[in-house]
Amino acid sequence: MRTCDFCQIRDGALPARIIRRDENVLAFEDTRPQAPVHVLFIPIEHVETANDFSPQDATRIGQLFLAATQVAKDLGYGERGYRLVLNCNRDAGQTIFHVHLHLLAGRHMEWPPG
């Protein structure tokens, strides 16, 4: 079984530009940014997809969103605007199977997103 790239980043085995880390959430810059600001937020504990969350994970899900909104505000996008995206499985664009929330900012976002 192949090791999860995001777990390797979490453990320091792969390099990343870390934006924020606490006991619950790790945030780092995306290596293939889709906007001038593109930060990924992962739960410290490995969870493959949003389908693997249970009601007991409500706090963990909230921590991801709270961390992302705080970073957006810290970077000056709280009022200007930003997008948060969580893809679930391949047809939605998930390519690394460790839940991750995308923070996109720094440009006008179109709708529908793609």
PDB file of N, CA and C in Angstrom:
ATOM      1  N   MET A   1       0.842  -1.191   0.000  1.00  0.00           N
ATOM      2  CA  MET A   1       0.000   0.000   0.000  1.00  0.00           C
ATOM      3  C   MET A   1       0.884   1.250   0.000  1.00  0.00           C
ATOM      4  N   ARG A   2       0.563   2.191  -0.841  1.00  0.00           N
ATOM      5  CA  ARG A   2       1.320   3.437  -0.959  1.00  0.00           C
ATOM      6  C   ARG A   2       1.017   4.341   0.226  1.00  0.00           C
ATOM      7  N   THR A   3       2.043   4.984   0.729  1.00  0.00           N
ATOM      8  CA  THR A   3       1.887   5.899   1.847  1.00  0.00           C
ATOM      9  C   THR A   3       1.224   7.188   1.376  1.00  0.00           C
ATOM     10  N   CYS A   4       0.395   7.738   2.214  1.00  0.00           N
ATOM     11  CA  CYS A   4      -0.313   8.981   1.918  1.00  0.00           C
ATOM     12  C   CYS A   4       0.659  10.156   1.887  1.00  0.00           C
ATOM     13  N   ASP A   5       0.655  10.916   0.783  1.00  0.00           N
ATOM     14  CA  ASP A   5       1.538  12.076   0.651  1.00  0.00           C
ATOM     15  C   ASP A   5       1.282  13.100   1.755  1.00  0.00           C
ATOM     16  N   PHE A   6       0.022  13.318   2.098  1.00  0.00           N
ATOM     17  CA  PHE A   6      -0.281  14.317   3.124  1.00  0.00           C
ATOM     18  C   PHE A   6       0.160  13.851   4.506  1.00  0.00           C
ATOM     19  N   CYS A   7       0.087  12.551   4.774  1.00  0.00           N
ATOM     20  CA  CYS A   7       0.618  12.032   6.040  1.00  0.00           C
ATOM     21  C   CYS A   7       2.133  12.208   6.071  1.00  0.00           C
ATOM     22  N   GLN A   8       2.783  12.037   4.917  1.00  0.00           N
ATOM     23  CA  GLN A   8       4.230  12.244   4.862  1.00  0.00           C
ATOM     24  C   GLN A   8       4.586  13.706   5.105  1.00  0.00           C
ATOM     25  N   ILE A   9       3.796  14.630   4.582  1.00  0.00           N
ATOM     26  CA  ILE A   9       4.006  16.050   4.869  1.00  0.00           C
ATOM     27  C   ILE A   9       3.794  16.292   6.360  1.00  0.00           C
ATOM     28  N   ARG A  10       2.726  15.762   6.898  1.00  0.00           N
ATOM     29  CA  ARG A  10       2.436  15.907   8.329  1.00  0.00           C
ATOM     30  C   ARG A  10       3.604  15.432   9.186  1.00  0.00           C
ATOM     31  N   ASP A  11       4.224  14.323   8.765  1.00  0.00           N
ATOM     32  CA  ASP A  11       5.307  13.706   9.536  1.00  0.00           C
ATOM     33  C   ASP A  11       6.684  14.279   9.222  1.00  0.00           C
ATOM     34  N   GLY A  12       6.747  15.224   8.261  1.00  0.00           N
ATOM     35  CA  GLY A  12       8.020  15.844   7.913  1.00  0.00           C
ATOM     36  C   GLY A  12       8.854  15.067   6.916  1.00  0.00           C
ATOM     37  N   ALA A  13       8.304  13.993   6.355  1.00  0.00           N
ATOM     38  CA  ALA A  13       9.040  13.182   5.387  1.00  0.00           C
ATOM     39  C   ALA A  13       9.018  13.786   3.980  1.00  0.00           C
ATOM     40  N   LEU A  14       8.051  14.632   3.688  1.00  0.00           N
ATOM     41  CA  LEU A  14       7.980  15.369   2.422  1.00  0.00           C
ATOM     42  C   LEU A  14       7.964  16.857   2.753  1.00  0.00           C
ATOM     43  N   PRO A  15       8.625  17.663   1.924  1.00  0.00           N
ATOM     44  CA  PRO A  15       8.667  19.103   2.202  1.00  0.00           C
ATOM     45  C   PRO A  15       7.349  19.787   1.850  1.00  0.00           C
ATOM     46  N   ALA A  16       7.058  20.831   2.571  1.00  0.00           N
ATOM     47  CA  ALA A  16       5.899  21.676   2.279  1.00  0.00           C
ATOM     48  C   ALA A  16       6.098  23.004   2.989  1.00  0.00           C
ATOM     49  N   ARG A  17       5.483  24.036   2.447  1.00  0.00           N
ATOM     50  CA  ARG A  17       5.505  25.339   3.119  1.00  0.00           C
ATOM     51  C   ARG A  17       4.316  25.372   4.071  1.00  0.00           C
ATOM     52  N   ILE A  18       4.607  25.154   5.341  1.00  0.00           N
ATOM     53  CA  ILE A  18       3.570  25.074   6.364  1.00  0.00           C
ATOM     54  C   ILE A  18       3.073  26.480   6.691  1.00  0.00           C
ATOM     55  N   ILE A  19       1.768  26.631   6.707  1.00  0.00           N
ATOM     56  CA  ILE A  19       1.126  27.906   6.998  1.00  0.00           C
ATOM     57  C   ILE A  19       0.630  27.928   8.445  1.00  0.00           C
ATOM     58  N   ARG A  20       0.165  26.791   8.914  1.00  0.00           N
ATOM     59  CA  ARG A  20      -0.401  26.690  10.265  1.00  0.00           C
ATOM     60  C   ARG A  20      -0.368  25.234  10.689  1.00  0.00           C
ATOM     61  N   ARG A  21      -0.140  25.023  11.971  1.00  0.00           N
ATOM     62  CA  ARG A  21      -0.206  23.669  12.514  1.00  0.00           C
ATOM     63  C   ARG A  21      -0.622  23.770  13.975  1.00  0.00           C
ATOM     64  N   ASP A  22      -1.571  22.924  14.355  1.00  0.00           N
ATOM     65  CA  ASP A  22      -1.909  22.761  15.763  1.00  0.00           C
ATOM     66  C   ASP A  22      -2.163  21.277  15.988  1.00  0.00           C
ATOM     67  N   GLU A  23      -2.716  20.920  17.115  1.00  0.00           N
ATOM     68  CA  GLU A  23      -2.886  19.499  17.423  1.00  0.00           C
ATOM     69  C   GLU A  23      -3.958  18.816  16.573  1.00  0.00           C
ATOM     70  N   ASN A  24      -4.751  19.610  15.831  1.00  0.00           N
ATOM     71  CA  ASN A  24      -5.858  19.048  15.053  1.00  0.00           C
ATOM     72  C   ASN A  24      -5.763  19.246  13.547  1.00  0.00           C
ATOM     73  N   VAL A  25      -5.115  20.328  13.117  1.00  0.00           N
ATOM     74  CA  VAL A  25      -5.132  20.728  11.703  1.00  0.00           C
ATOM     75  C   VAL A  25      -3.733  21.126  11.257  1.00  0.00           C
ATOM     76  N   LEU A  26      -3.401  20.721  10.034  1.00  0.00           N
ATOM     77  CA  LEU A  26      -2.175  21.156   9.375  1.00  0.00           C
ATOM     78  C   LEU A  26      -2.574  21.886   8.098  1.00  0.00           C
ATOM     79  N   ALA A  27      -1.991  23.060   7.865  1.00  0.00           N
ATOM     80  CA  ALA A  27      -2.259  23.830   6.650  1.00  0.00           C
ATOM     81  C   ALA A  27      -0.944  24.092   5.938  1.00  0.00           C
ATOM     82  N   PHE A  28      -0.944  23.893   4.616  1.00  0.00           N
ATOM     83  CA  PHE A  28       0.258  24.099   3.816  1.00  0.00           C
ATOM     84  C   PHE A  28      -0.125  24.533   2.419  1.00  0.00           C
ATOM     85  N   GLU A  29       0.822  25.183   1.728  1.00  0.00           N
ATOM     86  CA  GLU A  29       0.561  25.654   0.372  1.00  0.00           C
ATOM     87  C   GLU A  29       0.435  24.484  -0.593  1.00  0.00           C
ATOM     88  N   ASP A  30      -0.509  24.597  -1.520  1.00  0.00           N
ATOM     89  CA  ASP A  30      -0.666  23.595  -2.573  1.00  0.00           C
ATOM     90  C   ASP A  30       0.502  23.727  -3.547  1.00  0.00           C
ATOM     91  N   THR A  31       1.046  22.608  -4.002  1.00  0.00           N
ATOM     92  CA  THR A  31       2.180  22.641  -4.938  1.00  0.00           C
ATOM     93  C   THR A  31       1.743  22.932  -6.373  1.00  0.00           C
ATOM     94  N   ARG A  32       0.443  22.840  -6.636  1.00  0.00           N
ATOM     95  CA  ARG A  32      -0.106  23.174  -7.953  1.00  0.00           C
ATOM     96  C   ARG A  32      -1.234  24.183  -7.769  1.00  0.00           C
ATOM     97  N   PRO A  33      -0.891  25.405  -7.393  1.00  0.00           N
ATOM     98  CA  PRO A  33      -1.928  26.383  -7.033  1.00  0.00           C
ATOM     99  C   PRO A  33      -2.857  26.724  -8.188  1.00  0.00           C
ATOM    100  N   GLN A  34      -4.133  26.867  -7.841  1.00  0.00           N
ATOM    101  CA  GLN A  34      -5.167  27.238  -8.805  1.00  0.00           C
ATOM    102  C   GLN A  34      -5.610  28.684  -8.611  1.00  0.00           C
ATOM    103  N   ALA A  35      -4.959  29.382  -7.688  1.00  0.00           N
ATOM    104  CA  ALA A  35      -5.223  30.792  -7.412  1.00  0.00           C
ATOM    105  C   ALA A  35      -3.959  31.358  -6.765  1.00  0.00           C
ATOM    106  N   PRO A  36      -3.827  32.681  -6.712  1.00  0.00           N
ATOM    107  CA  PRO A  36      -2.650  33.254  -6.068  1.00  0.00           C
ATOM    108  C   PRO A  36      -2.450  32.757  -4.628  1.00  0.00           C
ATOM    109  N   VAL A  37      -3.550  32.529  -3.918  1.00  0.00           N
ATOM    110  CA  VAL A  37      -3.503  31.895  -2.601  1.00  0.00           C
ATOM    111  C   VAL A  37      -4.206  30.552  -2.730  1.00  0.00           C
ATOM    112  N   HIS A  38      -3.480  29.465  -2.423  1.00  0.00           N
ATOM    113  CA  HIS A  38      -4.074  28.126  -2.471  1.00  0.00           C
ATOM    114  C   HIS A  38      -3.447  27.323  -1.341  1.00  0.00           C
ATOM    115  N   VAL A  39      -4.194  27.221  -0.251  1.00  0.00           N
ATOM    116  CA  VAL A  39      -3.728  26.540   0.948  1.00  0.00           C
ATOM    117  C   VAL A  39      -4.608  25.331   1.192  1.00  0.00           C
ATOM    118  N   LEU A  40      -3.991  24.218   1.571  1.00  0.00           N
ATOM    119  CA  LEU A  40      -4.714  22.994   1.912  1.00  0.00           C
ATOM    120  C   LEU A  40      -4.740  22.824   3.422  1.00  0.00           C
ATOM    121  N   PHE A  41      -5.872  22.385   3.930  1.00  0.00           N
ATOM    122  CA  PHE A  41      -6.065  22.135   5.362  1.00  0.00           C
ATOM    123  C   PHE A  41      -6.438  20.668   5.522  1.00  0.00           C
ATOM    124  N   ILE A  42      -5.654  19.943   6.316  1.00  0.00           N
ATOM    125  CA  ILE A  42      -5.932  18.523   6.538  1.00  0.00           C
ATOM    126  C   ILE A  42      -6.099  18.268   8.030  1.00  0.00           C
ATOM    127  N   PRO A  43      -6.940  17.277   8.363  1.00  0.00           N
ATOM    128  CA  PRO A  43      -6.952  16.849   9.762  1.00  0.00           C
ATOM    129  C   PRO A  43      -5.639  16.112  10.037  1.00  0.00           C
ATOM    130  N   ILE A  44      -5.095  16.279  11.234  1.00  0.00           N
ATOM    131  CA  ILE A  44      -3.855  15.591  11.595  1.00  0.00           C
ATOM    132  C   ILE A  44      -4.038  14.083  11.475  1.00  0.00           C
ATOM    133  N   GLU A  45      -5.173  13.599  11.927  1.00  0.00           N
ATOM    134  CA  GLU A  45      -5.463  12.166  11.818  1.00  0.00           C
ATOM    135  C   GLU A  45      -5.925  11.860  10.392  1.00  0.00           C
ATOM    136  N   HIS A  46      -5.415  10.770   9.825  1.00  0.00           N
ATOM    137  CA  HIS A  46      -5.763  10.397   8.449  1.00  0.00           C
ATOM    138  C   HIS A  46      -7.236  10.007   8.346  1.00  0.00           C
ATOM    139  N   VAL A  47      -7.944  10.674   7.433  1.00  0.00           N
ATOM    140  CA  VAL A  47      -9.317  10.345   7.050  1.00  0.00           C
ATOM    141  C   VAL A  47      -9.315  10.400   5.530  1.00  0.00           C
ATOM    142  N   GLU A  48      -9.717   9.319   4.859  1.00  0.00           N
ATOM    143  CA  GLU A  48      -9.588   9.266   3.395  1.00  0.00           C
ATOM    144  C   GLU A  48     -10.497  10.221   2.648  1.00  0.00           C
ATOM    145  N   THR A  49     -11.788  10.185   2.909  1.00  0.00           N
ATOM    146  CA  THR A  49     -12.732  11.036   2.178  1.00  0.00           C
ATOM    147  C   THR A  49     -13.776  11.595   3.135  1.00  0.00           C
ATOM    148  N   ALA A  50     -14.533  12.552   2.651  1.00  0.00           N
ATOM    149  CA  ALA A  50     -15.627  13.100   3.456  1.00  0.00           C
ATOM    150  C   ALA A  50     -16.636  12.013   3.806  1.00  0.00           C
ATOM    151  N   ASN A  51     -16.751  10.993   2.976  1.00  0.00           N
ATOM    152  CA  ASN A  51     -17.670   9.880   3.269  1.00  0.00           C
ATOM    153  C   ASN A  51     -17.277   9.117   4.527  1.00  0.00           C
ATOM    154  N   ASP A  52     -16.028   9.250   4.942  1.00  0.00           N
ATOM    155  CA  ASP A  52     -15.554   8.524   6.119  1.00  0.00           C
ATOM    156  C   ASP A  52     -15.789   9.284   7.421  1.00  0.00           C
ATOM    157  N   PHE A  53     -16.304  10.499   7.347  1.00  0.00           N
ATOM    158  CA  PHE A  53     -16.656  11.223   8.557  1.00  0.00           C
ATOM    159  C   PHE A  53     -17.925  10.637   9.156  1.00  0.00           C
ATOM    160  N   SER A  54     -18.002  10.686  10.467  1.00  0.00           N
ATOM    161  CA  SER A  54     -19.200  10.258  11.182  1.00  0.00           C
ATOM    162  C   SER A  54     -19.689  11.428  12.025  1.00  0.00           C
ATOM    163  N   PRO A  55     -20.855  11.320  12.630  1.00  0.00           N
ATOM    164  CA  PRO A  55     -21.328  12.407  13.491  1.00  0.00           C
ATOM    165  C   PRO A  55     -20.322  12.773  14.593  1.00  0.00           C
ATOM    166  N   GLN A  56     -19.528  11.822  15.024  1.00  0.00           N
ATOM    167  CA  GLN A  56     -18.529  12.088  16.050  1.00  0.00           C
ATOM    168  C   GLN A  56     -17.390  12.981  15.531  1.00  0.00           C
ATOM    169  N   ASP A  57     -17.309  13.174  14.229  1.00  0.00           N
ATOM    170  CA  ASP A  57     -16.266  14.008  13.615  1.00  0.00           C
ATOM    171  C   ASP A  57     -16.700  15.453  13.422  1.00  0.00           C
ATOM    172  N   ALA A  58     -17.839  15.845  13.953  1.00  0.00           N
ATOM    173  CA  ALA A  58     -18.336  17.211  13.749  1.00  0.00           C
ATOM    174  C   ALA A  58     -17.312  18.244  14.215  1.00  0.00           C
ATOM    175  N   THR A  59     -16.671  18.004  15.338  1.00  0.00           N
ATOM    176  CA  THR A  59     -15.671  18.943  15.834  1.00  0.00           C
ATOM    177  C   THR A  59     -14.488  18.998  14.888  1.00  0.00           C
ATOM    178  N   ARG A  60     -14.038  17.851  14.404  1.00  0.00           N
ATOM    179  CA  ARG A  60     -12.901  17.800  13.483  1.00  0.00           C
ATOM    180  C   ARG A  60     -13.210  18.564  12.192  1.00  0.00           C
ATOM    181  N   ILE A  61     -14.405  18.406  11.674  1.00  0.00           N
ATOM    182  CA  ILE A  61     -14.806  19.125  10.463  1.00  0.00           C
ATOM    183  C   ILE A  61     -14.830  20.624  10.737  1.00  0.00           C
ATOM    184  N   GLY A  62     -15.395  21.008  11.851  1.00  0.00           N
ATOM    185  CA  GLY A  62     -15.438  22.412  12.227  1.00  0.00           C
ATOM    186  C   GLY A  62     -14.054  23.007  12.372  1.00  0.00           C
ATOM    187  N   GLN A  63     -13.116  22.237  12.929  1.00  0.00           N
ATOM    188  CA  GLN A  63     -11.747  22.730  13.099  1.00  0.00           C
ATOM    189  C   GLN A  63     -11.096  23.051  11.754  1.00  0.00           C
ATOM    190  N   LEU A  64     -11.357  22.227  10.733  1.00  0.00           N
ATOM    191  CA  LEU A  64     -10.820  22.497   9.399  1.00  0.00           C
ATOM    192  C   LEU A  64     -11.336  23.837   8.880  1.00  0.00           C
ATOM    193  N   PHE A  65     -12.652  24.036   8.973  1.00  0.00           N
ATOM    194  CA  PHE A  65     -13.251  25.262   8.461  1.00  0.00           C
ATOM    195  C   PHE A  65     -12.833  26.483   9.277  1.00  0.00           C
ATOM    196  N   LEU A  66     -12.759  26.355  10.585  1.00  0.00           N
ATOM    197  CA  LEU A  66     -12.326  27.483  11.411  1.00  0.00           C
ATOM    198  C   LEU A  66     -10.883  27.862  11.123  1.00  0.00           C
ATOM    199  N   ALA A  67     -10.019  26.872  10.935  1.00  0.00           N
ATOM    200  CA  ALA A  67      -8.622  27.157  10.594  1.00  0.00           C
ATOM    201  C   ALA A  67      -8.545  27.867   9.244  1.00  0.00           C
ATOM    202  N   ALA A  68      -9.314  27.391   8.265  1.00  0.00           N
ATOM    203  CA  ALA A  68      -9.284  27.996   6.932  1.00  0.00           C
ATOM    204  C   ALA A  68      -9.799  29.425   6.954  1.00  0.00           C
ATOM    205  N   THR A  69     -10.892  29.670   7.665  1.00  0.00           N
ATOM    206  CA  THR A  69     -11.417  31.035   7.693  1.00  0.00           C
ATOM    207  C   THR A  69     -10.464  31.966   8.425  1.00  0.00           C
ATOM    208  N   GLN A  70      -9.784  31.485   9.459  1.00  0.00           N
ATOM    209  CA  GLN A  70      -8.830  32.331  10.174  1.00  0.00           C
ATOM    210  C   GLN A  70      -7.636  32.673   9.295  1.00  0.00           C
ATOM    211  N   VAL A  71      -7.122  31.689   8.556  1.00  0.00           N
ATOM    212  CA  VAL A  71      -5.998  31.963   7.650  1.00  0.00           C
ATOM    213  C   VAL A  71      -6.435  32.942   6.559  1.00  0.00           C
ATOM    214  N   ALA A  72      -7.640  32.763   6.021  1.00  0.00           N
ATOM    215  CA  ALA A  72      -8.138  33.704   5.005  1.00  0.00           C
ATOM    216  C   ALA A  72      -8.172  35.128   5.566  1.00  0.00           C
ATOM    217  N   LYS A  73      -8.668  35.276   6.778  1.00  0.00           N
ATOM    218  CA  LYS A  73      -8.700  36.604   7.412  1.00  0.00           C
ATOM    219  C   LYS A  73      -7.288  37.122   7.642  1.00  0.00           C
ATOM    220  N   ASP A  74      -6.402  36.261   8.156  1.00  0.00           N
ATOM    221  CA  ASP A  74      -5.017  36.667   8.432  1.00  0.00           C
ATOM    222  C   ASP A  74      -4.305  37.143   7.170  1.00  0.00           C
ATOM    223  N   LEU A  75      -4.653  36.549   6.024  1.00  0.00           N
ATOM    224  CA  LEU A  75      -4.025  36.921   4.754  1.00  0.00           C
ATOM    225  C   LEU A  75      -4.713  38.111   4.079  1.00  0.00           C
ATOM    226  N   GLY A  76      -5.758  38.642   4.710  1.00  0.00           N
ATOM    227  CA  GLY A  76      -6.423  39.827   4.187  1.00  0.00           C
ATOM    228  C   GLY A  76      -7.572  39.557   3.238  1.00  0.00           C
ATOM    229  N   TYR A  77      -8.094  38.342   3.210  1.00  0.00           N
ATOM    230  CA  TYR A  77      -9.173  38.005   2.279  1.00  0.00           C
ATOM    231  C   TYR A  77     -10.527  37.840   2.951  1.00  0.00           C
ATOM    232  N   GLY A  78     -10.605  38.084   4.242  1.00  0.00           N
ATOM    233  CA  GLY A  78     -11.868  37.930   4.957  1.00  0.00           C
ATOM    234  C   GLY A  78     -12.987  38.760   4.361  1.00  0.00           C
ATOM    235  N   GLU A  79     -12.690  40.015   4.042  1.00  0.00           N
ATOM    236  CA  GLU A  79     -13.701  40.910   3.469  1.00  0.00           C
ATOM    237  C   GLU A  79     -13.740  40.831   1.948  1.00  0.00           C
ATOM    238  N   ARG A  80     -12.582  40.648   1.317  1.00  0.00           N
ATOM    239  CA  ARG A  80     -12.516  40.614  -0.150  1.00  0.00           C
ATOM    240  C   ARG A  80     -13.195  39.372  -0.697  1.00  0.00           C
ATOM    241  N   GLY A  81     -13.000  38.244  -0.010  1.00  0.00           N
ATOM    242  CA  GLY A  81     -13.638  37.003  -0.424  1.00  0.00           C
ATOM    243  C   GLY A  81     -12.637  35.908  -0.723  1.00  0.00           C
ATOM    244  N   TYR A  82     -13.099  34.693  -0.551  1.00  0.00           N
ATOM    245  CA  TYR A  82     -12.298  33.499  -0.777  1.00  0.00           C
ATOM    246  C   TYR A  82     -13.248  32.327  -0.987  1.00  0.00           C
ATOM    247  N   ARG A  83     -12.712  31.240  -1.473  1.00  0.00           N
ATOM    248  CA  ARG A  83     -13.514  30.034  -1.700  1.00  0.00           C
ATOM    249  C   ARG A  83     -12.919  28.893  -0.894  1.00  0.00           C
ATOM    250  N   LEU A  84     -13.799  28.089  -0.288  1.00  0.00           N
ATOM    251  CA  LEU A  84     -13.412  26.856   0.387  1.00  0.00           C
ATOM    252  C   LEU A  84     -14.021  25.699  -0.384  1.00  0.00           C
ATOM    253  N   VAL A  85     -13.196  24.690  -0.695  1.00  0.00           N
ATOM    254  CA  VAL A  85     -13.640  23.549  -1.501  1.00  0.00           C
ATOM    255  C   VAL A  85     -13.163  22.269  -0.843  1.00  0.00           C
ATOM    256  N   LEU A  86     -14.070  21.301  -0.741  1.00  0.00           N
ATOM    257  CA  LEU A  86     -13.710  19.975  -0.265  1.00  0.00           C
ATOM    258  C   LEU A  86     -14.236  18.972  -1.287  1.00  0.00           C
ATOM    259  N   ASN A  87     -13.333  18.328  -2.017  1.00  0.00           N
ATOM    260  CA  ASN A  87     -13.706  17.340  -3.030  1.00  0.00           C
ATOM    261  C   ASN A  87     -13.813  15.964  -2.389  1.00  0.00           C
ATOM    262  N   CYS A  88     -14.755  15.163  -2.858  1.00  0.00           N
ATOM    263  CA  CYS A  88     -14.926  13.816  -2.328  1.00  0.00           C
ATOM    264  C   CYS A  88     -14.931  12.806  -3.472  1.00  0.00           C
ATOM    265  N   ASN A  89     -13.885  12.043  -3.547  1.00  0.00           N
ATOM    266  CA  ASN A  89     -13.670  10.966  -4.518  1.00  0.00           C
ATOM    267  C   ASN A  89     -13.300  11.491  -5.906  1.00  0.00           C
ATOM    268  N   ARG A  90     -12.958  10.556  -6.770  1.00  0.00           N
ATOM    269  CA  ARG A  90     -12.320  10.882  -8.055  1.00  0.00           C
ATOM    270  C   ARG A  90     -13.152  11.774  -8.974  1.00  0.00           C
ATOM    271  N   ASP A  91     -14.437  11.495  -9.121  1.00  0.00           N
ATOM    272  CA  ASP A  91     -15.250  12.299 -10.035  1.00  0.00           C
ATOM    273  C   ASP A  91     -15.352  13.757  -9.591  1.00  0.00           C
ATOM    274  N   ALA A  92     -15.122  14.025  -8.321  1.00  0.00           N
ATOM    275  CA  ALA A  92     -15.152  15.397  -7.817  1.00  0.00           C
ATOM    276  C   ALA A  92     -13.777  16.051  -7.882  1.00  0.00           C
ATOM    277  N   GLY A  93     -12.754  15.283  -8.254  1.00  0.00           N
ATOM    278  CA  GLY A  93     -11.413  15.836  -8.387  1.00  0.00           C
ATOM    279  C   GLY A  93     -10.466  15.495  -7.254  1.00  0.00           C
ATOM    280  N   GLN A  94     -10.883  14.648  -6.308  1.00  0.00           N
ATOM    281  CA  GLN A  94      -9.968  14.270  -5.231  1.00  0.00           C
ATOM    282  C   GLN A  94      -8.898  13.348  -5.792  1.00  0.00           C
ATOM    283  N   THR A  95      -7.640  13.730  -5.630  1.00  0.00           N
ATOM    284  CA  THR A  95      -6.531  12.922  -6.151  1.00  0.00           C
ATOM    285  C   THR A  95      -5.661  12.358  -5.039  1.00  0.00           C
ATOM    286  N   ILE A  96      -5.696  12.975  -3.872  1.00  0.00           N
ATOM    287  CA  ILE A  96      -4.989  12.433  -2.706  1.00  0.00           C
ATOM    288  C   ILE A  96      -6.047  12.080  -1.685  1.00  0.00           C
ATOM    289  N   PHE A  97      -6.019  10.843  -1.249  1.00  0.00           N
ATOM    290  CA  PHE A  97      -7.085  10.345  -0.393  1.00  0.00           C
ATOM    291  C   PHE A  97      -6.741  10.499   1.089  1.00  0.00           C
ATOM    292  N   HIS A  98      -6.676  11.769   1.467  1.00  0.00           N
ATOM    293  CA  HIS A  98      -6.634  12.256   2.842  1.00  0.00           C
ATOM    294  C   HIS A  98      -7.477  13.517   2.765  1.00  0.00           C
ATOM    295  N   VAL A  99      -8.581  13.561   3.488  1.00  0.00           N
ATOM    296  CA  VAL A  99      -9.478  14.715   3.411  1.00  0.00           C
ATOM    297  C   VAL A  99      -8.669  16.003   3.461  1.00  0.00           C
ATOM    298  N   HIS A 100      -8.994  16.923   2.556  1.00  0.00           N
ATOM    299  CA  HIS A 100      -8.338  18.225   2.556  1.00  0.00           C
ATOM    300  C   HIS A 100      -9.293  19.293   2.044  1.00  0.00           C
ATOM    301  N   LEU A 101      -9.248  20.405   2.734  1.00  0.00           N
ATOM    302  CA  LEU A 101     -10.069  21.556   2.410  1.00  0.00           C
ATOM    303  C   LEU A 101      -9.175  22.572   1.711  1.00  0.00           C
ATOM    304  N   HIS A 102      -9.597  23.018   0.533  1.00  0.00           N
ATOM    305  CA  HIS A 102      -8.840  24.019  -0.235  1.00  0.00           C
ATOM    306  C   HIS A 102      -9.313  25.419   0.134  1.00  0.00           C
ATOM    307  N   LEU A 103      -8.378  26.305   0.375  1.00  0.00           N
ATOM    308  CA  LEU A 103      -8.654  27.735   0.490  1.00  0.00           C
ATOM    309  C   LEU A 103      -8.080  28.379  -0.766  1.00  0.00           C
ATOM    310  N   LEU A 104      -8.943  29.020  -1.546  1.00  0.00           N
ATOM    311  CA  LEU A 104      -8.550  29.704  -2.779  1.00  0.00           C
ATOM    312  C   LEU A 104      -8.903  31.176  -2.653  1.00  0.00           C
ATOM    313  N   ALA A 105      -7.941  32.047  -2.979  1.00  0.00           N
ATOM    314  CA  ALA A 105      -8.183  33.486  -2.880  1.00  0.00           C
ATOM    315  C   ALA A 105      -7.186  34.229  -3.768  1.00  0.00           C
ATOM    316  N   GLY A 106      -7.434  35.509  -3.905  1.00  0.00           N
ATOM    317  CA  GLY A 106      -6.516  36.356  -4.636  1.00  0.00           C
ATOM    318  C   GLY A 106      -6.882  36.596  -6.074  1.00  0.00           C
ATOM    319  N   ARG A 107      -8.023  36.078  -6.506  1.00  0.00           N
ATOM    320  CA  ARG A 107      -8.524  36.348  -7.856  1.00  0.00           C
ATOM    321  C   ARG A 107     -10.043  36.207  -7.827  1.00  0.00           C
ATOM    322  N   HIS A 108     -10.688  36.733  -8.850  1.00  0.00           N
ATOM    323  CA  HIS A 108     -12.138  36.588  -8.973  1.00  0.00           C
ATOM    324  C   HIS A 108     -12.468  35.129  -9.273  1.00  0.00           C
ATOM    325  N   MET A 109     -13.431  34.589  -8.581  1.00  0.00           N
ATOM    326  CA  MET A 109     -13.851  33.194  -8.784  1.00  0.00           C
ATOM    327  C   MET A 109     -15.119  33.189  -9.647  1.00  0.00           C
ATOM    328  N   GLU A 110     -15.146  32.298 -10.612  1.00  0.00           N
ATOM    329  CA  GLU A 110     -16.307  32.153 -11.499  1.00  0.00           C
ATOM    330  C   GLU A 110     -17.269  31.106 -10.943  1.00  0.00           C
ATOM    331  N   TRP A 111     -18.507  31.130 -11.443  1.00  0.00           N
ATOM    332  CA  TRP A 111     -19.491  30.108 -11.097  1.00  0.00           C
ATOM    333  C   TRP A 111     -20.233  29.725 -12.344  1.00  0.00           C
ATOM    334  N   PRO A 112     -20.445  28.464 -12.658  1.00  0.00           N
ATOM    335  CA  PRO A 112     -20.056  27.335 -11.827  1.00  0.00           C
ATOM    336  C   PRO A 112     -18.535  27.120 -11.857  1.00  0.00           C
ATOM    337  N   PRO A 113     -18.007  26.431 -10.819  1.00  0.00           N
ATOM    338  CA  PRO A 113     -16.561  26.308 -10.696  1.00  0.00           C
ATOM    339  C   PRO A 113     -15.912  25.382 -11.695  1.00  0.00           C
ATOM    340  N   GLY A 114     -16.626  24.491 -12.315  1.00  0.00           N
ATOM    341  CA  GLY A 114     -15.984  23.612 -13.271  1.00  0.00           C
ATOM    342  C   GLY A 114     -16.613  22.321 -13.261  1.00  0.00           C
TER     343      GLY A 114
END
